[in-house]
Each structure stands twice: as structure tokens, then as C-alpha cells.
Amino acid sequence: MSDAPNDGDIKMVIAFIRPGKLSDVKKGLAEVGAPSLTVTNVRGRGSQPVKKGQWRGEEYVVDLHEKVKLETVVADVPAEDVVDAIQDAAHTGEPGDGKVFVVDVDDAVQIRTDKRGRDAV
């Protein structure tokens, strides 16, 4: 199965991106054949600088920034293509562009059909 994408394995690609880049990333994923994804609004802290603001005369610190977490599981699409699509679409060149992680998936089960493994994806 070494000719199969991901060497025959199932991969989960997890990305944390700027909310404003979600539409571009969705288009990029569709272009590489990975349209299925889960999106969650999250907050986090990384290399993006801390911002200070003022509200009603009080100063406050914003150290948790709004992000979007994307998760997609791929078997028939190379995970590297998915990573490249996300990176190309989410890139601004500024701190806070986000991160992408690729994780091995041991198994998958499609609840409706009882399919397992690559067939479930």
C-alpha cells in the first residue's frame, strides 16, 4: 500500500488559524479534494503579541486571541497536500497566522454504516 496517499494510513490535520482566513482555507481544502472539516471557535496564546486596551477608564490585557480550529481526517488525500493548502491560504506573514499539526489516526468507525478504517473516512 506504499503507493496510497499517507502510505495507506489515516491522518488528522488540525490547524489553528485567524478567523478571517477561514473562507480562503475552505476554498483551498476543496481544491485539493479535502472538503470535509470540523470548525470550532477557540481562544489561545502563542507568539502573537499581547494587546492592551481600555474600557470605561480601566486598562485591560488581551493575551488570549480569537482563533478558528479546523480538523479534517484524510485517507485518500495526502496529508501534506492538506497542510500546504492550509498554509498557503492562511498565510499573512504576521505573528499569529497559526499552526498546523498532523496526527496519525489508529482507527475510524462510521456510525451509520459500521464501516471501519479507511472505508469510514
PDB file of N, CA and C in Angstrom:
ATOM      1  N   MET A   1       0.808  -1.202   0.000  1.00  0.00           N
ATOM      2  CA  MET A   1       0.000   0.000   0.000  1.00  0.00           C
ATOM      3  C   MET A   1       0.849   1.263   0.000  1.00  0.00           C
ATOM      4  N   SER A   2       2.132   1.163  -0.262  1.00  0.00           N
ATOM      5  CA  SER A   2       3.008   2.324  -0.180  1.00  0.00           C
ATOM      6  C   SER A   2       2.703   3.363  -1.251  1.00  0.00           C
ATOM      7  N   ASP A   3       2.000   2.996  -2.328  1.00  0.00           N
ATOM      8  CA  ASP A   3       1.617   3.973  -3.343  1.00  0.00           C
ATOM      9  C   ASP A   3       0.375   4.757  -2.939  1.00  0.00           C
ATOM     10  N   ALA A   4      -0.327   4.314  -1.897  1.00  0.00           N
ATOM     11  CA  ALA A   4      -1.519   5.002  -1.431  1.00  0.00           C
ATOM     12  C   ALA A   4      -1.128   6.290  -0.705  1.00  0.00           C
ATOM     13  N   PRO A   5      -2.004   7.300  -0.773  1.00  0.00           N
ATOM     14  CA  PRO A   5      -1.710   8.528  -0.013  1.00  0.00           C
ATOM     15  C   PRO A   5      -1.480   8.220   1.459  1.00  0.00           C
ATOM     16  N   ASN A   6      -0.584   8.960   2.076  1.00  0.00           N
ATOM     17  CA  ASN A   6      -0.257   8.813   3.504  1.00  0.00           C
ATOM     18  C   ASN A   6       0.259   7.418   3.820  1.00  0.00           C
ATOM     19  N   ASP A   7       0.844   6.739   2.837  1.00  0.00           N
ATOM     20  CA  ASP A   7       1.349   5.368   2.983  1.00  0.00           C
ATOM     21  C   ASP A   7       0.263   4.416   3.474  1.00  0.00           C
ATOM     22  N   GLY A   8      -0.981   4.692   3.072  1.00  0.00           N
ATOM     23  CA  GLY A   8      -2.098   3.839   3.449  1.00  0.00           C
ATOM     24  C   GLY A   8      -2.682   4.138   4.812  1.00  0.00           C
ATOM     25  N   ASP A   9      -2.142   5.127   5.503  1.00  0.00           N
ATOM     26  CA  ASP A   9      -2.615   5.467   6.846  1.00  0.00           C
ATOM     27  C   ASP A   9      -3.710   6.529   6.784  1.00  0.00           C
ATOM     28  N   ILE A  10      -4.394   6.686   7.910  1.00  0.00           N
ATOM     29  CA  ILE A  10      -5.378   7.754   8.086  1.00  0.00           C
ATOM     30  C   ILE A  10      -4.697   8.853   8.895  1.00  0.00           C
ATOM     31  N   LYS A  11      -4.851  10.086   8.467  1.00  0.00           N
ATOM     32  CA  LYS A  11      -4.226  11.222   9.154  1.00  0.00           C
ATOM     33  C   LYS A  11      -5.286  12.249   9.537  1.00  0.00           C
ATOM     34  N   MET A  12      -5.086  12.879  10.688  1.00  0.00           N
ATOM     35  CA  MET A  12      -5.911  14.012  11.072  1.00  0.00           C
ATOM     36  C   MET A  12      -5.035  15.252  11.006  1.00  0.00           C
ATOM     37  N   VAL A  13      -5.519  16.252  10.290  1.00  0.00           N
ATOM     38  CA  VAL A  13      -4.818  17.529  10.200  1.00  0.00           C
ATOM     39  C   VAL A  13      -5.604  18.519  11.050  1.00  0.00           C
ATOM     40  N   ILE A  14      -4.908  19.119  12.006  1.00  0.00           N
ATOM     41  CA  ILE A  14      -5.510  20.088  12.922  1.00  0.00           C
ATOM     42  C   ILE A  14      -4.797  21.416  12.704  1.00  0.00           C
ATOM     43  N   ALA A  15      -5.574  22.469  12.488  1.00  0.00           N
ATOM     44  CA  ALA A  15      -4.978  23.783  12.250  1.00  0.00           C
ATOM     45  C   ALA A  15      -5.664  24.824  13.115  1.00  0.00           C
ATOM     46  N   PHE A  16      -4.872  25.772  13.588  1.00  0.00           N
ATOM     47  CA  PHE A  16      -5.373  26.936  14.306  1.00  0.00           C
ATOM     48  C   PHE A  16      -5.047  28.140  13.447  1.00  0.00           C
ATOM     49  N   ILE A  17      -6.077  28.856  12.982  1.00  0.00           N
ATOM     50  CA  ILE A  17      -5.868  29.958  12.039  1.00  0.00           C
ATOM     51  C   ILE A  17      -6.637  31.198  12.491  1.00  0.00           C
ATOM     52  N   ARG A  18      -6.378  32.306  11.809  1.00  0.00           N
ATOM     53  CA  ARG A  18      -7.124  33.535  12.039  1.00  0.00           C
ATOM     54  C   ARG A  18      -8.553  33.353  11.521  1.00  0.00           C
ATOM     55  N   PRO A  19      -9.555  33.839  12.240  1.00  0.00           N
ATOM     56  CA  PRO A  19     -10.938  33.685  11.780  1.00  0.00           C
ATOM     57  C   PRO A  19     -11.187  34.271  10.385  1.00  0.00           C
ATOM     58  N   GLY A  20     -10.532  35.355  10.063  1.00  0.00           N
ATOM     59  CA  GLY A  20     -10.722  35.993   8.766  1.00  0.00           C
ATOM     60  C   GLY A  20     -10.198  35.186   7.593  1.00  0.00           C
ATOM     61  N   LYS A  21      -9.420  34.155   7.856  1.00  0.00           N
ATOM     62  CA  LYS A  21      -8.846  33.328   6.796  1.00  0.00           C
ATOM     63  C   LYS A  21      -9.639  32.040   6.552  1.00  0.00           C
ATOM     64  N   LEU A  22     -10.716  31.834   7.310  1.00  0.00           N
ATOM     65  CA  LEU A  22     -11.476  30.589   7.198  1.00  0.00           C
ATOM     66  C   LEU A  22     -12.001  30.350   5.782  1.00  0.00           C
ATOM     67  N   SER A  23     -12.578  31.348   5.176  1.00  0.00           N
ATOM     68  CA  SER A  23     -13.135  31.195   3.829  1.00  0.00           C
ATOM     69  C   SER A  23     -12.053  30.790   2.823  1.00  0.00           C
ATOM     70  N   ASP A  24     -10.895  31.431   2.890  1.00  0.00           N
ATOM     71  CA  ASP A  24      -9.797  31.097   1.982  1.00  0.00           C
ATOM     72  C   ASP A  24      -9.318  29.663   2.200  1.00  0.00           C
ATOM     73  N   VAL A  25      -9.229  29.248   3.460  1.00  0.00           N
ATOM     74  CA  VAL A  25      -8.771  27.891   3.771  1.00  0.00           C
ATOM     75  C   VAL A  25      -9.781  26.861   3.275  1.00  0.00           C
ATOM     76  N   LYS A  26     -11.065  27.130   3.453  1.00  0.00           N
ATOM     77  CA  LYS A  26     -12.099  26.208   2.957  1.00  0.00           C
ATOM     78  C   LYS A  26     -11.983  26.023   1.447  1.00  0.00           C
ATOM     79  N   LYS A  27     -11.749  27.100   0.725  1.00  0.00           N
ATOM     80  CA  LYS A  27     -11.569  27.020  -0.736  1.00  0.00           C
ATOM     81  C   LYS A  27     -10.334  26.195  -1.074  1.00  0.00           C
ATOM     82  N   GLY A  28      -9.250  26.440  -0.361  1.00  0.00           N
ATOM     83  CA  GLY A  28      -8.017  25.695  -0.607  1.00  0.00           C
ATOM     84  C   GLY A  28      -8.179  24.212  -0.348  1.00  0.00           C
ATOM     85  N   LEU A  29      -8.889  23.852   0.724  1.00  0.00           N
ATOM     86  CA  LEU A  29      -9.124  22.434   1.027  1.00  0.00           C
ATOM     87  C   LEU A  29      -9.996  21.781  -0.036  1.00  0.00           C
ATOM     88  N   ALA A  30     -11.002  22.488  -0.514  1.00  0.00           N
ATOM     89  CA  ALA A  30     -11.862  21.944  -1.572  1.00  0.00           C
ATOM     90  C   ALA A  30     -11.057  21.691  -2.846  1.00  0.00           C
ATOM     91  N   GLU A  31     -10.107  22.572  -3.140  1.00  0.00           N
ATOM     92  CA  GLU A  31      -9.286  22.424  -4.345  1.00  0.00           C
ATOM     93  C   GLU A  31      -8.393  21.184  -4.300  1.00  0.00           C
ATOM     94  N   VAL A  32      -7.952  20.774  -3.106  1.00  0.00           N
ATOM     95  CA  VAL A  32      -7.106  19.581  -3.008  1.00  0.00           C
ATOM     96  C   VAL A  32      -7.926  18.321  -2.742  1.00  0.00           C
ATOM     97  N   GLY A  33      -9.253  18.461  -2.694  1.00  0.00           N
ATOM     98  CA  GLY A  33     -10.112  17.289  -2.532  1.00  0.00           C
ATOM     99  C   GLY A  33     -10.371  16.893  -1.096  1.00  0.00           C
ATOM    100  N   ALA A  34     -10.238  17.837  -0.166  1.00  0.00           N
ATOM    101  CA  ALA A  34     -10.486  17.557   1.258  1.00  0.00           C
ATOM    102  C   ALA A  34     -11.532  18.529   1.798  1.00  0.00           C
ATOM    103  N   PRO A  35     -12.786  18.420   1.320  1.00  0.00           N
ATOM    104  CA  PRO A  35     -13.796  19.394   1.730  1.00  0.00           C
ATOM    105  C   PRO A  35     -14.398  19.155   3.111  1.00  0.00           C
ATOM    106  N   SER A  36     -14.243  17.955   3.674  1.00  0.00           N
ATOM    107  CA  SER A  36     -14.847  17.648   4.972  1.00  0.00           C
ATOM    108  C   SER A  36     -14.000  18.231   6.095  1.00  0.00           C
ATOM    109  N   LEU A  37     -14.638  18.982   6.996  1.00  0.00           N
ATOM    110  CA  LEU A  37     -13.897  19.540   8.106  1.00  0.00           C
ATOM    111  C   LEU A  37     -14.835  19.897   9.242  1.00  0.00           C
ATOM    112  N   THR A  38     -14.251  20.017  10.407  1.00  0.00           N
ATOM    113  CA  THR A  38     -14.940  20.491  11.598  1.00  0.00           C
ATOM    114  C   THR A  38     -14.292  21.801  11.997  1.00  0.00           C
ATOM    115  N   VAL A  39     -15.114  22.791  12.337  1.00  0.00           N
ATOM    116  CA  VAL A  39     -14.616  24.117  12.680  1.00  0.00           C
ATOM    117  C   VAL A  39     -15.106  24.479  14.080  1.00  0.00           C
ATOM    118  N   THR A  40     -14.198  24.956  14.910  1.00  0.00           N
ATOM    119  CA  THR A  40     -14.525  25.369  16.275  1.00  0.00           C
ATOM    120  C   THR A  40     -13.895  26.729  16.538  1.00  0.00           C
ATOM    121  N   ASN A  41     -14.658  27.634  17.142  1.00  0.00           N
ATOM    122  CA  ASN A  41     -14.092  28.919  17.566  1.00  0.00           C
ATOM    123  C   ASN A  41     -13.382  28.705  18.893  1.00  0.00           C
ATOM    124  N   VAL A  42     -12.117  29.120  18.952  1.00  0.00           N
ATOM    125  CA  VAL A  42     -11.316  28.929  20.155  1.00  0.00           C
ATOM    126  C   VAL A  42     -10.554  30.219  20.470  1.00  0.00           C
ATOM    127  N   ARG A  43      -9.956  30.250  21.643  1.00  0.00           N
ATOM    128  CA  ARG A  43      -9.051  31.331  22.028  1.00  0.00           C
ATOM    129  C   ARG A  43      -7.738  30.698  22.435  1.00  0.00           C
ATOM    130  N   GLY A  44      -6.643  31.396  22.146  1.00  0.00           N
ATOM    131  CA  GLY A  44      -5.361  30.833  22.525  1.00  0.00           C
ATOM    132  C   GLY A  44      -4.268  31.874  22.563  1.00  0.00           C
ATOM    133  N   ARG A  45      -3.116  31.404  23.014  1.00  0.00           N
ATOM    134  CA  ARG A  45      -1.966  32.283  23.135  1.00  0.00           C
ATOM    135  C   ARG A  45      -0.768  31.578  22.518  1.00  0.00           C
ATOM    136  N   GLY A  46      -0.061  32.305  21.686  1.00  0.00           N
ATOM    137  CA  GLY A  46       1.148  31.781  21.059  1.00  0.00           C
ATOM    138  C   GLY A  46       2.150  32.901  20.937  1.00  0.00           C
ATOM    139  N   SER A  47       2.709  33.072  19.744  1.00  0.00           N
ATOM    140  CA  SER A  47       3.726  34.103  19.542  1.00  0.00           C
ATOM    141  C   SER A  47       3.130  35.479  19.259  1.00  0.00           C
ATOM    142  N   GLN A  48       1.815  35.544  19.073  1.00  0.00           N
ATOM    143  CA  GLN A  48       1.170  36.821  18.800  1.00  0.00           C
ATOM    144  C   GLN A  48       1.316  37.737  20.015  1.00  0.00           C
ATOM    145  N   PRO A  49       1.668  39.007  19.799  1.00  0.00           N
ATOM    146  CA  PRO A  49       1.906  39.898  20.935  1.00  0.00           C
ATOM    147  C   PRO A  49       0.638  40.165  21.748  1.00  0.00           C
ATOM    148  N   VAL A  50       0.852  40.444  23.039  1.00  0.00           N
ATOM    149  CA  VAL A  50      -0.229  40.811  23.949  1.00  0.00           C
ATOM    150  C   VAL A  50      -0.707  42.214  23.575  1.00  0.00           C
ATOM    151  N   LYS A  51      -2.032  42.402  23.598  1.00  0.00           N
ATOM    152  CA  LYS A  51      -2.589  43.721  23.298  1.00  0.00           C
ATOM    153  C   LYS A  51      -3.168  44.312  24.576  1.00  0.00           C
ATOM    154  N   LYS A  52      -3.013  45.625  24.699  1.00  0.00           N
ATOM    155  CA  LYS A  52      -3.610  46.318  25.843  1.00  0.00           C
ATOM    156  C   LYS A  52      -4.724  47.204  25.314  1.00  0.00           C
ATOM    157  N   GLY A  53      -5.794  47.283  26.077  1.00  0.00           N
ATOM    158  CA  GLY A  53      -6.924  48.112  25.693  1.00  0.00           C
ATOM    159  C   GLY A  53      -7.446  48.862  26.902  1.00  0.00           C
ATOM    160  N   GLN A  54      -8.433  49.690  26.643  1.00  0.00           N
ATOM    161  CA  GLN A  54      -9.022  50.439  27.730  1.00  0.00           C
ATOM    162  C   GLN A  54     -10.534  50.406  27.546  1.00  0.00           C
ATOM    163  N   TRP A  55     -11.237  50.177  28.658  1.00  0.00           N
ATOM    164  CA  TRP A  55     -12.692  50.140  28.635  1.00  0.00           C
ATOM    165  C   TRP A  55     -13.200  50.783  29.904  1.00  0.00           C
ATOM    166  N   ARG A  56     -14.028  51.797  29.750  1.00  0.00           N
ATOM    167  CA  ARG A  56     -14.576  52.550  30.886  1.00  0.00           C
ATOM    168  C   ARG A  56     -13.476  53.040  31.842  1.00  0.00           C
ATOM    169  N   GLY A  57     -12.404  53.499  31.251  1.00  0.00           N
ATOM    170  CA  GLY A  57     -11.321  54.055  32.044  1.00  0.00           C
ATOM    171  C   GLY A  57     -10.374  53.036  32.651  1.00  0.00           C
ATOM    172  N   GLU A  58     -10.676  51.763  32.513  1.00  0.00           N
ATOM    173  CA  GLU A  58      -9.823  50.708  33.067  1.00  0.00           C
ATOM    174  C   GLU A  58      -9.000  50.071  31.947  1.00  0.00           C
ATOM    175  N   GLU A  59      -7.722  49.866  32.233  1.00  0.00           N
ATOM    176  CA  GLU A  59      -6.864  49.196  31.263  1.00  0.00           C
ATOM    177  C   GLU A  59      -6.983  47.688  31.435  1.00  0.00           C
ATOM    178  N   TYR A  60      -7.014  46.972  30.325  1.00  0.00           N
ATOM    179  CA  TYR A  60      -7.064  45.516  30.378  1.00  0.00           C
ATOM    180  C   TYR A  60      -6.094  44.934  29.354  1.00  0.00           C
ATOM    181  N   VAL A  61      -5.744  43.672  29.542  1.00  0.00           N
ATOM    182  CA  VAL A  61      -4.790  42.979  28.682  1.00  0.00           C
ATOM    183  C   VAL A  61      -5.517  41.858  27.945  1.00  0.00           C
ATOM    184  N   VAL A  62      -5.296  41.799  26.637  1.00  0.00           N
ATOM    185  CA  VAL A  62      -5.841  40.714  25.824  1.00  0.00           C
ATOM    186  C   VAL A  62      -4.676  39.802  25.469  1.00  0.00           C
ATOM    187  N   ASP A  63      -4.583  38.662  26.165  1.00  0.00           N
ATOM    188  CA  ASP A  63      -3.493  37.731  25.878  1.00  0.00           C
ATOM    189  C   ASP A  63      -4.006  36.414  25.307  1.00  0.00           C
ATOM    190  N   LEU A  64      -5.315  36.270  25.202  1.00  0.00           N
ATOM    191  CA  LEU A  64      -5.904  35.114  24.526  1.00  0.00           C
ATOM    192  C   LEU A  64      -6.599  35.646  23.277  1.00  0.00           C
ATOM    193  N   HIS A  65      -6.096  35.230  22.121  1.00  0.00           N
ATOM    194  CA  HIS A  65      -6.582  35.756  20.852  1.00  0.00           C
ATOM    195  C   HIS A  65      -7.591  34.803  20.219  1.00  0.00           C
ATOM    196  N   GLU A  66      -8.571  35.379  19.519  1.00  0.00           N
ATOM    197  CA  GLU A  66      -9.585  34.587  18.819  1.00  0.00           C
ATOM    198  C   GLU A  66      -8.922  33.821  17.677  1.00  0.00           C
ATOM    199  N   LYS A  67      -9.202  32.537  17.599  1.00  0.00           N
ATOM    200  CA  LYS A  67      -8.705  31.670  16.524  1.00  0.00           C
ATOM    201  C   LYS A  67      -9.830  30.751  16.080  1.00  0.00           C
ATOM    202  N   VAL A  68      -9.615  30.091  14.972  1.00  0.00           N
ATOM    203  CA  VAL A  68     -10.510  29.053  14.491  1.00  0.00           C
ATOM    204  C   VAL A  68      -9.704  27.763  14.443  1.00  0.00           C
ATOM    205  N   LYS A  69     -10.272  26.709  15.016  1.00  0.00           N
ATOM    206  CA  LYS A  69      -9.634  25.400  14.980  1.00  0.00           C
ATOM    207  C   LYS A  69     -10.315  24.576  13.891  1.00  0.00           C
ATOM    208  N   LEU A  70      -9.514  24.081  12.947  1.00  0.00           N
ATOM    209  CA  LEU A  70     -10.010  23.230  11.866  1.00  0.00           C
ATOM    210  C   LEU A  70      -9.501  21.821  12.092  1.00  0.00           C
ATOM    211  N   GLU A  71     -10.355  20.846  11.875  1.00  0.00           N
ATOM    212  CA  GLU A  71      -9.944  19.449  11.938  1.00  0.00           C
ATOM    213  C   GLU A  71     -10.470  18.747  10.698  1.00  0.00           C
ATOM    214  N   THR A  72      -9.601  18.022  10.032  1.00  0.00           N
ATOM    215  CA  THR A  72     -10.021  17.217   8.895  1.00  0.00           C
ATOM    216  C   THR A  72      -9.262  15.901   8.934  1.00  0.00           C
ATOM    217  N   VAL A  73      -9.956  14.822   8.605  1.00  0.00           N
ATOM    218  CA  VAL A  73      -9.354  13.495   8.586  1.00  0.00           C
ATOM    219  C   VAL A  73      -9.278  13.050   7.135  1.00  0.00           C
ATOM    220  N   VAL A  74      -8.092  12.610   6.716  1.00  0.00           N
ATOM    221  CA  VAL A  74      -7.902  12.231   5.317  1.00  0.00           C
ATOM    222  C   VAL A  74      -7.268  10.852   5.204  1.00  0.00           C
ATOM    223  N   ALA A  75      -7.710  10.135   4.180  1.00  0.00           N
ATOM    224  CA  ALA A  75      -7.128   8.838   3.862  1.00  0.00           C
ATOM    225  C   ALA A  75      -6.724   8.801   2.391  1.00  0.00           C
ATOM    226  N   ASP A  76      -7.598   9.310   1.525  1.00  0.00           N
ATOM    227  CA  ASP A  76      -7.349   9.267   0.078  1.00  0.00           C
ATOM    228  C   ASP A  76      -6.680  10.520  -0.453  1.00  0.00           C
ATOM    229  N   VAL A  77      -6.478  11.497   0.402  1.00  0.00           N
ATOM    230  CA  VAL A  77      -5.808  12.743   0.032  1.00  0.00           C
ATOM    231  C   VAL A  77      -4.530  12.827   0.852  1.00  0.00           C
ATOM    232  N   PRO A  78      -3.385  13.115   0.227  1.00  0.00           N
ATOM    233  CA  PRO A  78      -2.150  13.235   1.000  1.00  0.00           C
ATOM    234  C   PRO A  78      -2.247  14.342   2.055  1.00  0.00           C
ATOM    235  N   ALA A  79      -1.896  14.008   3.273  1.00  0.00           N
ATOM    236  CA  ALA A  79      -1.943  14.986   4.364  1.00  0.00           C
ATOM    237  C   ALA A  79      -1.055  16.186   4.049  1.00  0.00           C
ATOM    238  N   GLU A  80       0.044  15.964   3.361  1.00  0.00           N
ATOM    239  CA  GLU A  80       0.948  17.062   3.023  1.00  0.00           C
ATOM    240  C   GLU A  80       0.268  18.071   2.093  1.00  0.00           C
ATOM    241  N   ASP A  81      -0.593  17.586   1.182  1.00  0.00           N
ATOM    242  CA  ASP A  81      -1.350  18.495   0.314  1.00  0.00           C
ATOM    243  C   ASP A  81      -2.316  19.353   1.130  1.00  0.00           C
ATOM    244  N   VAL A  82      -2.917  18.744   2.140  1.00  0.00           N
ATOM    245  CA  VAL A  82      -3.844  19.464   3.014  1.00  0.00           C
ATOM    246  C   VAL A  82      -3.083  20.528   3.804  1.00  0.00           C
ATOM    247  N   VAL A  83      -1.940  20.161   4.343  1.00  0.00           N
ATOM    248  CA  VAL A  83      -1.115  21.117   5.097  1.00  0.00           C
ATOM    249  C   VAL A  83      -0.707  22.282   4.193  1.00  0.00           C
ATOM    250  N   ASP A  84      -0.255  21.979   2.981  1.00  0.00           N
ATOM    251  CA  ASP A  84       0.156  23.035   2.050  1.00  0.00           C
ATOM    252  C   ASP A  84      -1.001  23.962   1.707  1.00  0.00           C
ATOM    253  N   ALA A  85      -2.198  23.397   1.502  1.00  0.00           N
ATOM    254  CA  ALA A  85      -3.375  24.212   1.174  1.00  0.00           C
ATOM    255  C   ALA A  85      -3.718  25.152   2.323  1.00  0.00           C
ATOM    256  N   ILE A  86      -3.669  24.640   3.548  1.00  0.00           N
ATOM    257  CA  ILE A  86      -3.968  25.473   4.715  1.00  0.00           C
ATOM    258  C   ILE A  86      -2.915  26.560   4.857  1.00  0.00           C
ATOM    259  N   GLN A  87      -1.657  26.171   4.742  1.00  0.00           N
ATOM    260  CA  GLN A  87      -0.568  27.133   4.912  1.00  0.00           C
ATOM    261  C   GLN A  87      -0.636  28.237   3.861  1.00  0.00           C
ATOM    262  N   ASP A  88      -0.885  27.874   2.613  1.00  0.00           N
ATOM    263  CA  ASP A  88      -0.962  28.876   1.550  1.00  0.00           C
ATOM    264  C   ASP A  88      -2.131  29.832   1.760  1.00  0.00           C
ATOM    265  N   ALA A  89      -3.282  29.291   2.176  1.00  0.00           N
ATOM    266  CA  ALA A  89      -4.482  30.123   2.313  1.00  0.00           C
ATOM    267  C   ALA A  89      -4.478  30.967   3.586  1.00  0.00           C
ATOM    268  N   ALA A  90      -3.838  30.499   4.649  1.00  0.00           N
ATOM    269  CA  ALA A  90      -3.887  31.195   5.938  1.00  0.00           C
ATOM    270  C   ALA A  90      -2.726  32.164   6.149  1.00  0.00           C
ATOM    271  N   HIS A  91      -1.742  32.145   5.280  1.00  0.00           N
ATOM    272  CA  HIS A  91      -0.525  32.932   5.459  1.00  0.00           C
ATOM    273  C   HIS A  91      -0.762  34.432   5.277  1.00  0.00           C
ATOM    274  N   THR A  92      -0.341  35.226   6.268  1.00  0.00           N
ATOM    275  CA  THR A  92      -0.312  36.686   6.123  1.00  0.00           C
ATOM    276  C   THR A  92       1.104  37.215   6.326  1.00  0.00           C
ATOM    277  N   GLY A  93       1.956  36.405   6.946  1.00  0.00           N
ATOM    278  CA  GLY A  93       3.316  36.844   7.235  1.00  0.00           C
ATOM    279  C   GLY A  93       3.458  37.554   8.561  1.00  0.00           C
ATOM    280  N   GLU A  94       2.382  37.707   9.296  1.00  0.00           N
ATOM    281  CA  GLU A  94       2.389  38.383  10.588  1.00  0.00           C
ATOM    282  C   GLU A  94       2.336  37.364  11.720  1.00  0.00           C
ATOM    283  N   PRO A  95       2.831  37.722  12.921  1.00  0.00           N
ATOM    284  CA  PRO A  95       2.673  36.818  14.068  1.00  0.00           C
ATOM    285  C   PRO A  95       1.192  36.534  14.305  1.00  0.00           C
ATOM    286  N   GLY A  96       0.885  35.290  14.627  1.00  0.00           N
ATOM    287  CA  GLY A  96      -0.498  34.909  14.881  1.00  0.00           C
ATOM    288  C   GLY A  96      -1.178  34.233  13.708  1.00  0.00           C
ATOM    289  N   ASP A  97      -0.414  33.918  12.644  1.00  0.00           N
ATOM    290  CA  ASP A  97      -1.005  33.218  11.495  1.00  0.00           C
ATOM    291  C   ASP A  97      -1.527  31.842  11.885  1.00  0.00           C
ATOM    292  N   GLY A  98      -0.916  31.203  12.869  1.00  0.00           N
ATOM    293  CA  GLY A  98      -1.424  29.928  13.349  1.00  0.00           C
ATOM    294  C   GLY A  98      -0.435  28.796  13.230  1.00  0.00           C
ATOM    295  N   LYS A  99      -0.945  27.590  13.451  1.00  0.00           N
ATOM    296  CA  LYS A  99      -0.125  26.372  13.412  1.00  0.00           C
ATOM    297  C   LYS A  99      -0.941  25.258  12.778  1.00  0.00           C
ATOM    298  N   VAL A 100      -0.228  24.260  12.237  1.00  0.00           N
ATOM    299  CA  VAL A 100      -0.864  23.073  11.668  1.00  0.00           C
ATOM    300  C   VAL A 100      -0.174  21.851  12.263  1.00  0.00           C
ATOM    301  N   PHE A 101      -0.970  20.881  12.675  1.00  0.00           N
ATOM    302  CA  PHE A 101      -0.456  19.634  13.242  1.00  0.00           C
ATOM    303  C   PHE A 101      -1.022  18.460  12.451  1.00  0.00           C
ATOM    304  N   VAL A 102      -0.204  17.436  12.254  1.00  0.00           N
ATOM    305  CA  VAL A 102      -0.646  16.216  11.589  1.00  0.00           C
ATOM    306  C   VAL A 102      -0.500  15.068  12.576  1.00  0.00           C
ATOM    307  N   VAL A 103      -1.595  14.327  12.780  1.00  0.00           N
ATOM    308  CA  VAL A 103      -1.646  13.271  13.781  1.00  0.00           C
ATOM    309  C   VAL A 103      -2.088  11.970  13.114  1.00  0.00           C
ATOM    310  N   ASP A 104      -1.458  10.860  13.482  1.00  0.00           N
ATOM    311  CA  ASP A 104      -1.888   9.548  12.994  1.00  0.00           C
ATOM    312  C   ASP A 104      -3.203   9.165  13.652  1.00  0.00           C
ATOM    313  N   VAL A 105      -4.097   8.569  12.877  1.00  0.00           N
ATOM    314  CA  VAL A 105      -5.372   8.076  13.393  1.00  0.00           C
ATOM    315  C   VAL A 105      -5.307   6.553  13.371  1.00  0.00           C
ATOM    316  N   ASP A 106      -5.473   5.924  14.537  1.00  0.00           N
ATOM    317  CA  ASP A 106      -5.387   4.465  14.623  1.00  0.00           C
ATOM    318  C   ASP A 106      -6.555   3.775  13.940  1.00  0.00           C
ATOM    319  N   ASP A 107      -7.753   4.311  14.098  1.00  0.00           N
ATOM    320  CA  ASP A 107      -8.932   3.678  13.526  1.00  0.00           C
ATOM    321  C   ASP A 107     -10.031   4.716  13.391  1.00  0.00           C
ATOM    322  N   ALA A 108     -11.009   4.405  12.569  1.00  0.00           N
ATOM    323  CA  ALA A 108     -12.177   5.250  12.393  1.00  0.00           C
ATOM    324  C   ALA A 108     -13.380   4.337  12.201  1.00  0.00           C
ATOM    325  N   VAL A 109     -14.527   4.763  12.695  1.00  0.00           N
ATOM    326  CA  VAL A 109     -15.759   3.990  12.550  1.00  0.00           C
ATOM    327  C   VAL A 109     -16.846   4.940  12.084  1.00  0.00           C
ATOM    328  N   GLN A 110     -17.507   4.586  10.993  1.00  0.00           N
ATOM    329  CA  GLN A 110     -18.663   5.358  10.544  1.00  0.00           C
ATOM    330  C   GLN A 110     -19.886   4.773  11.236  1.00  0.00           C
ATOM    331  N   ILE A 111     -20.527   5.556  12.065  1.00  0.00           N
ATOM    332  CA  ILE A 111     -21.602   5.064  12.918  1.00  0.00           C
ATOM    333  C   ILE A 111     -22.768   4.501  12.100  1.00  0.00           C
ATOM    334  N   ARG A 112     -23.188   5.204  11.059  1.00  0.00           N
ATOM    335  CA  ARG A 112     -24.364   4.791  10.291  1.00  0.00           C
ATOM    336  C   ARG A 112     -24.172   3.457   9.594  1.00  0.00           C
ATOM    337  N   THR A 113     -22.963   3.232   9.017  1.00  0.00           N
ATOM    338  CA  THR A 113     -22.745   2.043   8.179  1.00  0.00           C
ATOM    339  C   THR A 113     -21.894   0.953   8.822  1.00  0.00           C
ATOM    340  N   ASP A 114     -21.301   1.226   9.966  1.00  0.00           N
ATOM    341  CA  ASP A 114     -20.351   0.317  10.626  1.00  0.00           C
ATOM    342  C   ASP A 114     -19.053   0.113   9.836  1.00  0.00           C
ATOM    343  N   LYS A 115     -18.794   0.948   8.829  1.00  0.00           N
ATOM    344  CA  LYS A 115     -17.524   0.843   8.096  1.00  0.00           C
ATOM    345  C   LYS A 115     -16.409   1.232   9.037  1.00  0.00           C
ATOM    346  N   ARG A 116     -15.229   0.601   8.818  1.00  0.00           N
ATOM    347  CA  ARG A 116     -14.070   0.870   9.674  1.00  0.00           C
ATOM    348  C   ARG A 116     -12.861   1.251   8.831  1.00  0.00           C
ATOM    349  N   GLY A 117     -11.918   1.877   9.490  1.00  0.00           N
ATOM    350  CA  GLY A 117     -10.645   2.234   8.847  1.00  0.00           C
ATOM    351  C   GLY A 117     -10.816   3.226   7.733  1.00  0.00           C
ATOM    352  N   ARG A 118     -10.037   3.042   6.664  1.00  0.00           N
ATOM    353  CA  ARG A 118     -10.058   3.959   5.518  1.00  0.00           C
ATOM    354  C   ARG A 118     -11.447   4.055   4.887  1.00  0.00           C
ATOM    355  N   ASP A 119     -12.212   2.958   4.913  1.00  0.00           N
ATOM    356  CA  ASP A 119     -13.564   2.970   4.338  1.00  0.00           C
ATOM    357  C   ASP A 119     -14.491   3.918   5.089  1.00  0.00           C
ATOM    358  N   ALA A 120     -14.243   4.125   6.368  1.00  0.00           N
ATOM    359  CA  ALA A 120     -15.084   5.006   7.183  1.00  0.00           C
ATOM    360  C   ALA A 120     -14.814   6.475   6.883  1.00  0.00           C
ATOM    361  N   VAL A 121     -13.624   6.758   6.406  1.00  0.00           N
ATOM    362  CA  VAL A 121     -13.237   8.140   6.134  1.00  0.00           C
ATOM    363  C   VAL A 121     -13.762   8.529   4.778  1.00  0.00           C
TER     364      VAL A 121
END
